[in-house]
Amino acid sequence: MSRLTTILVLAVGVLAGGLGATLLSAPKLDEAAVTAIAENVVAKAKPEPGLTASAVETIVADLIAKQPKQDTPQPAAALEQSAIDPMIEKYLLGNPRILQKVSAALDAELTAERMAATRTAMVELKPAIFESENGIVLGNPNGDVTLVEMFDYNCGYCRQALPDLAALLDSDKNLKVVLKEFPILSQGSVDAARIAAQVADADVDYWAFHQALFTSRGQVDKAAALKAAADLGLNPITLEMGMATPRVDKVIEESYRIADRLKITGTPTFIIGDEIIPGAIGLDALKQRIANMRACGATVCTTEQPG
């Protein structure tokens, strides 16, 4: 059953049932009445803000109240959802554009709800995203703009974005970059991230380690990460023993928590200001957003914003 059908069935069924089949004043809902209700619901639905479930309920309640009254009690079966369902289905199958219209409206409503939830989550998660000790800070730690990247060492698009990140670090000396380990593609990714979290805490060049893994051949796994760390002078045995420590767990779990709240499912994902940017969007696009952050405090500047 479609979402429109579900809404109409629930609205008609629940509201009609709520009137009480044993009441003398219960309206008679035959096929013609249900069809009339459906037509009126669609006719009264405005394009903006869209046909929501509450709007349907309001319209249906009004229309049921206007149905002809009968003088004798109506059998309960006449108001059961199983009797109303086929009537609404028949009407909708004969009017497919209605399904498209209401489906689009409901999609817009759900999208708006998700966006509102994401904005709320962004406010709550800002310290974890931009300021947490569990992120690896590159560039200027006191920079006026912060660029966050959530990445997986086995992500091809992350590899593609590496030169863009390097170019930004070289050219923009007032940019703070925060790297968040977000291993989602394989167990090898998880193992490499657990080694990387320890490298980030060590007194070595993490950026060199990071680049070494992304420019290596084949899948990045524990062995590859241990080799890259050993090339920087770290003890691979110590690193392997430290893969399951609470400190390492905290680094990985924080990224998963952020991703879950913000509905981030892929890598790379960049975060600048309040914008979540999926994918490798290219150097110019990143530069433009950084410039806009400096100009107006948002990744997209409008005429209403100070600049």
Protein backbone atom coordinates (compact mmCIF):
# COMPACT_ATOMS: atom_id res chain seq x y z
CA MET A 1 0.00 0.00 0.00
CA SER A 2 1.33 3.43 -0.93
CA ARG A 3 2.03 6.17 1.60
CA LEU A 4 -0.94 8.18 0.32
CA THR A 5 -3.21 5.17 0.66
CA THR A 6 -1.89 4.54 4.13
CA ILE A 7 -2.55 8.12 5.21
CA LEU A 8 -6.05 8.20 3.74
CA VAL A 9 -6.91 4.75 5.11
CA LEU A 10 -5.63 5.64 8.57
CA ALA A 11 -7.34 9.01 8.55
CA VAL A 12 -10.68 7.69 7.31
CA GLY A 13 -10.51 4.45 9.26
CA VAL A 14 -9.40 5.96 12.56
CA LEU A 15 -11.64 8.99 12.41
CA ALA A 16 -14.64 7.02 11.22
CA GLY A 17 -14.01 4.39 13.86
CA GLY A 18 -13.63 7.11 16.43
CA LEU A 19 -17.12 8.34 15.68
CA GLY A 20 -18.37 4.98 16.91
CA ALA A 21 -20.25 2.45 14.85
CA THR A 22 -22.92 2.20 17.51
CA LEU A 23 -23.76 5.91 17.49
CA LEU A 24 -27.07 6.80 15.87
CA SER A 25 -25.44 9.78 14.17
CA ALA A 26 -22.57 7.81 12.53
CA PRO A 27 -22.16 8.77 8.85
CA LYS A 28 -22.65 6.21 6.13
CA LEU A 29 -19.33 5.68 4.34
CA ASP A 30 -20.05 3.80 1.13
CA GLU A 31 -17.73 3.76 -1.91
CA ALA A 32 -19.13 6.98 -3.30
CA ALA A 33 -18.60 8.74 0.04
CA VAL A 34 -15.03 7.53 0.38
CA THR A 35 -14.26 8.56 -3.21
CA ALA A 36 -15.74 12.00 -2.57
CA ILE A 37 -13.60 12.34 0.55
CA ALA A 38 -10.45 11.37 -1.34
CA GLU A 39 -11.22 13.81 -4.15
CA ASN A 40 -11.85 16.62 -1.69
CA VAL A 41 -8.65 15.85 0.23
CA VAL A 42 -6.61 16.20 -2.95
CA ALA A 43 -8.54 19.26 -4.12
CA LYS A 44 -8.00 21.04 -0.82
CA ALA A 45 -4.32 20.14 -0.53
CA LYS A 46 -2.13 23.14 -1.26
CA PRO A 47 1.22 22.79 -3.04
CA GLU A 48 2.88 24.60 -0.14
CA PRO A 49 3.68 23.49 2.46
CA GLY A 50 2.37 20.17 1.06
CA LEU A 51 -0.16 17.55 2.03
CA THR A 52 0.87 16.32 5.46
CA ALA A 53 -0.73 13.61 7.52
CA SER A 54 -2.21 16.16 9.92
CA ALA A 55 -3.66 18.12 7.00
CA VAL A 56 -5.31 14.96 5.67
CA GLU A 57 -6.77 14.19 9.08
CA THR A 58 -8.22 17.68 9.38
CA ILE A 59 -9.77 17.58 5.92
CA VAL A 60 -11.14 14.05 6.34
CA ALA A 61 -12.62 14.87 9.73
CA ASP A 62 -14.43 17.83 8.21
CA LEU A 63 -15.68 15.81 5.28
CA ILE A 64 -16.87 12.90 7.42
CA ALA A 65 -18.84 15.33 9.56
CA LYS A 66 -20.60 16.56 6.42
CA GLN A 67 -21.62 13.08 5.23
CA PRO A 68 -25.37 12.27 5.29
CA LYS A 69 -26.52 10.95 8.64
CA GLN A 70 -28.56 7.75 8.98
CA ASP A 71 -31.35 7.07 11.43
CA THR A 72 -30.28 3.59 12.52
CA PRO A 73 -27.06 2.30 13.95
CA GLN A 74 -24.48 1.38 11.34
CA PRO A 75 -22.91 -2.10 11.54
CA ALA A 76 -19.29 -2.04 12.66
CA ALA A 77 -18.15 -3.86 9.52
CA ALA A 78 -19.26 -0.93 7.36
CA LEU A 79 -16.67 1.30 9.01
CA GLU A 80 -13.84 -1.23 9.23
CA GLN A 81 -10.59 -0.40 7.47
CA SER A 82 -10.80 -3.63 5.47
CA ALA A 83 -13.95 -2.32 3.83
CA ILE A 84 -12.53 1.14 3.15
CA ASP A 85 -9.15 -0.01 1.81
CA PRO A 86 -10.40 -1.35 -1.55
CA MET A 87 -12.42 1.79 -2.18
CA ILE A 88 -9.40 4.06 -1.70
CA GLU A 89 -7.15 1.72 -3.69
CA LYS A 90 -9.62 1.75 -6.57
CA TYR A 91 -9.79 5.53 -6.54
CA LEU A 92 -6.00 5.93 -6.41
CA LEU A 93 -5.35 3.41 -9.18
CA GLY A 94 -7.69 5.42 -11.38
CA ASN A 95 -5.87 8.66 -10.53
CA PRO A 96 -2.10 7.92 -10.52
CA ARG A 97 -1.11 11.59 -10.63
CA ILE A 98 -2.53 12.02 -7.17
CA LEU A 99 -0.02 9.49 -5.89
CA GLN A 100 2.80 11.46 -7.46
CA LYS A 101 1.57 14.74 -6.03
CA VAL A 102 1.16 13.54 -2.48
CA SER A 103 4.30 11.39 -2.57
CA ALA A 104 6.31 14.47 -3.57
CA ALA A 105 4.70 16.49 -0.78
CA LEU A 106 5.44 13.80 1.79
CA ASP A 107 9.02 13.48 0.54
CA ALA A 108 9.45 17.23 0.97
CA GLU A 109 8.05 17.03 4.50
CA LEU A 110 10.38 14.16 5.43
CA THR A 111 13.34 15.96 3.90
CA ALA A 112 12.54 19.08 5.91
CA GLU A 113 12.30 16.98 9.07
CA ARG A 114 15.66 15.33 8.36
CA MET A 115 17.27 18.71 7.68
CA ALA A 116 15.92 20.09 10.95
CA ALA A 117 17.24 17.05 12.82
CA THR A 118 20.64 17.45 11.15
CA ARG A 119 20.82 21.14 12.09
CA THR A 120 20.05 20.27 15.71
CA ALA A 121 22.66 17.50 15.68
CA MET A 122 25.28 19.83 14.15
CA VAL A 123 24.85 22.29 17.00
CA GLU A 124 25.19 19.54 19.60
CA LEU A 125 28.13 17.86 17.86
CA LYS A 126 30.22 20.92 17.02
CA PRO A 127 32.74 20.35 19.84
CA ALA A 128 33.22 16.72 18.79
CA ILE A 129 33.52 17.66 15.11
CA PHE A 130 35.77 20.71 15.26
CA GLU A 131 37.53 20.73 18.63
CA SER A 132 37.81 17.16 19.90
CA GLU A 133 41.17 15.69 20.88
CA ASN A 134 40.14 12.64 18.86
CA GLY A 135 40.70 14.46 15.57
CA ILE A 136 44.08 14.90 13.89
CA VAL A 137 44.85 18.61 13.45
CA LEU A 138 46.89 19.74 10.45
CA GLY A 139 47.70 23.22 9.20
CA ASN A 140 47.13 26.15 11.51
CA PRO A 141 45.59 24.98 14.81
CA ASN A 142 44.34 28.54 15.36
CA GLY A 143 43.11 29.05 11.81
CA ASP A 144 40.10 31.22 11.12
CA VAL A 145 38.35 28.46 9.11
CA THR A 146 38.22 24.76 9.94
CA LEU A 147 37.87 22.06 7.30
CA VAL A 148 36.98 18.58 8.58
CA GLU A 149 37.42 15.43 6.53
CA MET A 150 36.01 12.05 7.52
CA PHE A 151 37.89 9.40 5.56
CA ASP A 152 38.67 5.74 5.04
CA TYR A 153 42.16 4.64 3.95
CA ASN A 154 40.68 2.29 1.35
CA CYS A 155 38.40 4.93 -0.16
CA GLY A 156 39.29 5.68 -3.78
CA TYR A 157 37.65 9.10 -3.68
CA CYS A 158 39.59 9.96 -0.51
CA ARG A 159 42.74 9.09 -2.43
CA GLN A 160 41.53 11.36 -5.22
CA ALA A 161 40.95 14.20 -2.74
CA LEU A 162 44.42 13.91 -1.15
CA PRO A 163 46.13 16.33 -3.62
CA ASP A 164 43.36 18.88 -2.97
CA LEU A 165 43.99 18.69 0.75
CA ALA A 166 47.74 18.98 0.22
CA ALA A 167 47.26 22.03 -2.00
CA LEU A 168 45.08 23.72 0.62
CA LEU A 169 47.62 23.07 3.37
CA ASP A 170 50.40 24.49 1.21
CA SER A 171 48.57 27.59 0.01
CA ASP A 172 46.33 28.56 2.93
CA LYS A 173 48.33 29.21 6.08
CA ASN A 174 45.29 30.28 8.04
CA LEU A 175 43.34 27.06 7.49
CA LYS A 176 42.82 24.47 10.21
CA VAL A 177 42.29 20.92 8.93
CA VAL A 178 40.82 18.20 11.15
CA LEU A 179 41.03 14.59 9.98
CA LYS A 180 38.55 12.12 11.46
CA GLU A 181 39.25 8.39 11.14
CA PHE A 182 36.05 6.87 9.73
CA PRO A 183 36.80 3.26 8.69
CA ILE A 184 33.72 1.78 7.05
CA LEU A 185 34.88 -0.14 3.98
CA SER A 186 36.64 -3.20 5.40
CA GLN A 187 38.26 -4.78 8.43
CA GLY A 188 41.57 -3.69 6.94
CA SER A 189 40.32 -0.10 7.09
CA VAL A 190 39.45 -0.52 10.77
CA ASP A 191 42.85 -2.02 11.58
CA ALA A 192 44.69 0.73 9.70
CA ALA A 193 42.65 3.40 11.48
CA ARG A 194 43.53 1.88 14.86
CA ILE A 195 47.21 2.05 13.99
CA ALA A 196 46.79 5.58 12.63
CA ALA A 197 45.15 6.77 15.84
CA GLN A 198 48.31 5.80 17.72
CA VAL A 199 50.58 7.39 15.12
CA ALA A 200 48.63 10.63 15.56
CA ASP A 201 49.46 10.59 19.29
CA ALA A 202 53.14 9.87 18.71
CA ASP A 203 55.86 12.45 18.18
CA VAL A 204 56.21 11.77 14.45
CA ASP A 205 55.06 13.30 11.17
CA TYR A 206 51.47 12.08 10.91
CA TRP A 207 50.95 13.85 7.57
CA ALA A 208 53.81 11.81 6.08
CA PHE A 209 52.18 8.62 7.42
CA HIS A 210 48.80 9.68 6.03
CA GLN A 211 50.19 10.36 2.57
CA ALA A 212 52.19 7.13 2.59
CA LEU A 213 49.06 5.04 3.12
CA PHE A 214 47.04 6.87 0.49
CA THR A 215 49.79 6.59 -2.10
CA SER A 216 50.58 2.93 -1.40
CA ARG A 217 49.54 0.16 -3.75
CA GLY A 218 46.82 -2.34 -2.98
CA GLN A 219 44.48 -2.52 -0.01
CA VAL A 220 45.45 -0.63 3.12
CA ASP A 221 45.35 -2.95 6.12
CA LYS A 222 47.12 -3.55 9.41
CA ALA A 223 50.34 -4.69 7.73
CA ALA A 224 50.46 -1.63 5.47
CA ALA A 225 49.81 0.72 8.38
CA LEU A 226 52.43 -0.94 10.57
CA LYS A 227 55.01 -0.68 7.79
CA ALA A 228 54.29 3.03 7.23
CA ALA A 229 54.55 3.64 10.99
CA ALA A 230 57.79 1.65 11.22
CA ASP A 231 59.25 3.79 8.42
CA LEU A 232 58.76 6.75 10.76
CA GLY A 233 60.62 5.00 13.58
CA LEU A 234 57.69 3.62 15.60
CA ASN A 235 57.68 0.13 17.08
CA PRO A 236 55.17 -2.04 15.17
CA ILE A 237 54.85 -4.52 18.05
CA THR A 238 53.85 -1.74 20.44
CA LEU A 239 51.37 -0.37 17.92
CA GLU A 240 49.77 -3.76 17.32
CA MET A 241 49.40 -4.33 21.05
CA GLY A 242 47.76 -0.92 21.44
CA MET A 243 45.09 -1.37 18.77
CA ALA A 244 42.30 -2.17 21.26
CA THR A 245 43.05 0.37 23.97
CA PRO A 246 40.29 2.66 25.31
CA ARG A 247 42.05 5.66 23.77
CA VAL A 248 41.92 4.12 20.28
CA ASP A 249 38.35 2.95 20.79
CA LYS A 250 37.35 6.50 21.66
CA VAL A 251 38.79 7.91 18.42
CA ILE A 252 36.89 5.45 16.21
CA GLU A 253 33.67 5.48 18.20
CA GLU A 254 33.44 9.26 18.13
CA SER A 255 33.55 9.26 14.33
CA TYR A 256 30.86 6.58 14.18
CA ARG A 257 28.68 8.57 16.58
CA ILE A 258 29.04 11.74 14.51
CA ALA A 259 28.27 9.86 11.32
CA ASP A 260 25.20 8.23 12.84
CA ARG A 261 23.74 11.52 14.07
CA LEU A 262 24.46 13.34 10.82
CA LYS A 263 23.46 10.42 8.57
CA ILE A 264 26.92 10.30 6.99
CA THR A 265 27.33 7.03 5.12
CA GLY A 266 30.25 7.56 2.75
CA THR A 267 33.77 8.87 2.43
CA PRO A 268 35.19 11.32 1.99
CA THR A 269 32.77 13.61 3.78
CA PHE A 270 33.87 17.19 4.38
CA ILE A 271 32.35 19.50 6.97
CA ILE A 272 32.80 23.27 6.76
CA GLY A 273 30.74 25.48 9.01
CA ASP A 274 27.23 24.01 9.00
CA GLU A 275 27.59 22.30 5.63
CA ILE A 276 28.11 18.57 5.19
CA ILE A 277 29.76 17.90 1.83
CA PRO A 278 29.73 14.31 0.54
CA GLY A 279 32.38 13.21 -1.93
CA ALA A 280 35.53 14.59 -3.51
CA ILE A 281 34.18 17.88 -4.83
CA GLY A 282 37.52 19.26 -6.07
CA LEU A 283 39.97 21.92 -5.01
CA ASP A 284 38.14 24.91 -6.47
CA ALA A 285 34.86 24.04 -4.76
CA LEU A 286 36.61 23.68 -1.41
CA LYS A 287 38.46 26.97 -1.89
CA GLN A 288 35.21 28.76 -2.68
CA ARG A 289 33.52 27.49 0.46
CA ILE A 290 36.51 28.46 2.59
CA ALA A 291 36.52 31.94 1.03
CA ASN A 292 32.79 32.28 1.72
CA MET A 293 33.28 31.29 5.34
CA ARG A 294 35.73 34.16 5.70
CA ALA A 295 33.49 36.59 3.85
CA CYS A 296 30.12 35.90 5.46
CA GLY A 297 30.48 33.08 7.98
CA ALA A 298 28.73 30.51 5.79
CA THR A 299 29.73 28.31 2.89
CA VAL A 300 27.15 30.05 0.69
CA CYS A 301 26.90 33.84 0.90
CA THR A 302 23.65 35.68 0.18
CA THR A 303 22.85 39.35 -0.18
CA GLU A 304 21.27 39.34 3.29
CA GLN A 305 24.51 38.22 4.93
CA PRO A 306 27.22 40.66 5.91
CA GLY A 307 30.18 40.56 3.57
